C-alpha atoms as a PDB file:
ATOM      1  CA  UNK A   1     -34.719  74.557 -70.338  1.00  0.00           C
ATOM      2  CA  UNK A   2     -36.906  77.344 -71.574  1.00  0.00           C
ATOM      3  CA  UNK A   3     -38.198  78.813 -74.766  1.00  0.00           C
ATOM      4  CA  UNK A   4     -37.347  82.367 -75.665  1.00  0.00           C
ATOM      5  CA  UNK A   5     -39.865  84.799 -77.058  1.00  0.00           C
ATOM      6  CA  UNK A   6     -37.773  85.004 -80.222  1.00  0.00           C
ATOM      7  CA  UNK A   7     -38.090  81.239 -80.677  1.00  0.00           C
ATOM      8  CA  UNK A   8     -41.848  81.487 -80.236  1.00  0.00           C
ATOM      9  CA  UNK A   9     -42.052  84.192 -82.880  1.00  0.00           C
ATOM     10  CA  UNK A  10     -39.937  82.059 -85.247  1.00  0.00           C
ATOM     11  CA  UNK A  11     -42.154  79.001 -84.687  1.00  0.00           C
ATOM     12  CA  UNK A  12     -45.265  81.136 -85.237  1.00  0.00           C
ATOM     13  CA  UNK A  13     -43.761  82.495 -88.443  1.00  0.00           C
ATOM     14  CA  UNK A  14     -43.001  78.981 -89.702  1.00  0.00           C
ATOM     15  CA  UNK A  15     -46.542  77.858 -88.819  1.00  0.00           C
ATOM     16  CA  UNK A  16     -47.952  81.011 -90.434  1.00  0.00           C
ATOM     17  CA  UNK A  17     -49.667  82.047 -87.192  1.00  0.00           C
ATOM     18  CA  UNK A  18     -50.181  85.534 -85.883  1.00  0.00           C
ATOM     19  CA  UNK A  19     -48.898  85.838 -82.308  1.00  0.00           C
ATOM     20  CA  UNK A  20     -49.104  89.148 -80.480  1.00  0.00           C
ATOM     21  CA  UNK A  21     -46.930  90.082 -77.475  1.00  0.00           C
ATOM     22  CA  UNK A  22     -49.502  88.969 -74.879  1.00  0.00           C
ATOM     23  CA  UNK A  23     -49.935  85.542 -76.476  1.00  0.00           C
ATOM     24  CA  UNK A  24     -46.167  85.184 -76.981  1.00  0.00           C
ATOM     25  CA  UNK A  25     -45.607  85.762 -73.261  1.00  0.00           C
ATOM     26  CA  UNK A  26     -48.283  83.195 -72.389  1.00  0.00           C
ATOM     27  CA  UNK A  27     -46.832  80.631 -74.810  1.00  0.00           C
ATOM     28  CA  UNK A  28     -43.345  81.264 -73.486  1.00  0.00           C
ATOM     29  CA  UNK A  29     -44.424  80.200 -69.999  1.00  0.00           C
ATOM     30  CA  UNK A  30     -46.486  77.221 -71.163  1.00  0.00           C
ATOM     31  CA  UNK A  31     -43.873  75.821 -73.540  1.00  0.00           C
ATOM     32  CA  UNK A  32     -41.102  76.304 -70.983  1.00  0.00           C
ATOM     33  CA  UNK A  33     -43.095  74.292 -68.409  1.00  0.00           C
ATOM     34  CA  UNK A  34     -43.704  71.524 -70.959  1.00  0.00           C
ATOM     35  CA  UNK A  35     -40.024  71.319 -71.878  1.00  0.00           C
ATOM     36  CA  UNK A  36     -39.014  71.309 -68.192  1.00  0.00           C
ATOM     37  CA  UNK A  37     -41.404  68.412 -67.584  1.00  0.00           C
ATOM     38  CA  UNK A  38     -40.003  66.456 -70.534  1.00  0.00           C
ATOM     39  CA  UNK A  39     -36.484  67.060 -69.208  1.00  0.00           C
ATOM     40  CA  UNK A  40     -37.564  65.645 -65.817  1.00  0.00           C
ATOM     41  CA  UNK A  41     -38.893  62.517 -67.537  1.00  0.00           C
ATOM     42  CA  UNK A  42     -35.493  62.020 -69.126  1.00  0.00           C
ATOM     43  CA  UNK A  43     -33.903  61.922 -65.664  1.00  0.00           C
ATOM     44  CA  UNK A  44     -35.984  58.932 -64.520  1.00  0.00           C
ATOM     45  CA  UNK A  45     -34.156  55.606 -64.338  1.00  0.00           C
ATOM     46  CA  UNK A  46     -34.943  53.277 -67.192  1.00  0.00           C
ATOM     47  CA  UNK A  47     -34.308  49.997 -65.346  1.00  0.00           C
ATOM     48  CA  UNK A  48     -36.443  49.109 -62.367  1.00  0.00           C
ATOM     49  CA  UNK A  49     -34.324  46.243 -61.033  1.00  0.00           C
ATOM     50  CA  UNK A  50     -33.931  47.713 -57.552  1.00  0.00           C
ATOM     51  CA  UNK A  51     -37.287  47.465 -55.732  1.00  0.00           C
ATOM     52  CA  UNK A  52     -36.167  50.151 -53.274  1.00  0.00           C
ATOM     53  CA  UNK A  53     -35.885  52.726 -56.054  1.00  0.00           C
ATOM     54  CA  UNK A  54     -39.181  54.612 -55.707  1.00  0.00           C
ATOM     55  CA  UNK A  55     -38.436  56.795 -58.730  1.00  0.00           C
ATOM     56  CA  UNK A  56     -38.282  53.846 -61.153  1.00  0.00           C
ATOM     57  CA  UNK A  57     -40.864  53.793 -63.898  1.00  0.00           C
ATOM     58  CA  UNK A  58     -42.955  50.646 -63.900  1.00  0.00           C
ATOM     59  CA  UNK A  59     -44.286  49.710 -67.326  1.00  0.00           C
ATOM     60  CA  UNK A  60     -46.481  46.811 -68.306  1.00  0.00           C
ATOM     61  CA  UNK A  61     -45.083  44.109 -70.568  1.00  0.00           C
ATOM     62  CA  UNK A  62     -45.856  44.709 -74.193  1.00  0.00           C
ATOM     63  CA  UNK A  63     -47.559  41.497 -75.180  1.00  0.00           C
ATOM     64  CA  UNK A  64     -49.620  41.105 -78.330  1.00  0.00           C
ATOM     65  CA  UNK A  65     -53.262  40.257 -77.828  1.00  0.00           C
ATOM     66  CA  UNK A  66     -56.307  39.879 -79.988  1.00  0.00           C
ATOM     67  CA  UNK A  67     -57.950  43.109 -81.031  1.00  0.00           C
ATOM     68  CA  UNK A  68     -61.404  43.230 -79.408  1.00  0.00           C
ATOM     69  CA  UNK A  69     -62.790  44.948 -82.514  1.00  0.00           C
ATOM     70  CA  UNK A  70     -61.811  42.050 -84.749  1.00  0.00           C
ATOM     71  CA  UNK A  71     -65.144  40.272 -84.743  1.00  0.00           C
ATOM     72  CA  UNK A  72     -67.072  38.601 -87.499  1.00  0.00           C
ATOM     73  CA  UNK A  73     -69.009  41.108 -89.569  1.00  0.00           C
ATOM     74  CA  UNK A  74     -72.224  39.269 -88.710  1.00  0.00           C
ATOM     75  CA  UNK A  75     -71.919  40.459 -85.100  1.00  0.00           C
ATOM     76  CA  UNK A  76     -72.487  44.060 -86.206  1.00  0.00           C
ATOM     77  CA  UNK A  77     -75.882  43.614 -87.883  1.00  0.00           C
ATOM     78  CA  UNK A  78     -78.812  41.256 -87.528  1.00  0.00           C
ATOM     79  CA  UNK A  79     -78.968  40.553 -91.274  1.00  0.00           C
ATOM     80  CA  UNK A  80     -76.320  40.314 -94.009  1.00  0.00           C
ATOM     81  CA  UNK A  81     -76.530  39.638 -97.720  1.00  0.00           C
ATOM     82  CA  UNK A  82     -73.287  39.028 -99.674  1.00  0.00           C
ATOM     83  CA  UNK A  83     -71.258  40.540 -96.793  1.00  0.00           C
ATOM     84  CA  UNK A  84     -73.335  43.746 -96.870  1.00  0.00           C
ATOM     85  CA  UNK A  85     -75.561  45.063 -94.106  1.00  0.00           C
ATOM     86  CA  UNK A  86     -79.280  44.756 -94.849  1.00  0.00           C
ATOM     87  CA  UNK A  87     -81.153  47.735 -93.454  1.00  0.00           C
ATOM     88  CA  UNK A  88     -84.787  48.802 -93.734  1.00  0.00           C
ATOM     89  CA  UNK A  89     -85.741  51.110 -96.565  1.00  0.00           C
ATOM     90  CA  UNK A  90     -86.155  54.756 -95.724  1.00  0.00           C
ATOM     91  CA  UNK A  91     -89.536  55.225 -94.055  1.00  0.00           C
ATOM     92  CA  UNK A  92     -90.159  51.565 -93.202  1.00  0.00           C
ATOM     93  CA  UNK A  93     -89.357  52.081 -89.530  1.00  0.00           C
ATOM     94  CA  UNK A  94     -91.739  55.020 -89.206  1.00  0.00           C
ATOM     95  CA  UNK A  95     -94.567  53.097 -90.880  1.00  0.00           C
ATOM     96  CA  UNK A  96     -94.022  50.047 -88.702  1.00  0.00           C
ATOM     97  CA  UNK A  97     -94.232  52.099 -85.498  1.00  0.00           C
ATOM     98  CA  UNK A  98     -97.602  53.616 -86.420  1.00  0.00           C
ATOM     99  CA  UNK A  99     -99.286  50.334 -87.204  1.00  0.00           C
END
């Protein structure tokens, strides 16, 4: 399955992109390889019941788990006031380092 140069020009026109002949030839090859790869993926068996089938795609189980970023807000800052981060005023850090 390939992409013709005419199709590339049509896509470029729809995307309002300028594509010269050199770039169109390059895109033709790249897009054709991508579409060939996608077509190969479609040929892979979807069920991996037979262990002898080396071409079977093995996927992990999709199991819900806790999001590691869902932590209490207090874990993100050493000090909070009314659920807001308390940070030093501008210049306080520089003054503290000199003293």
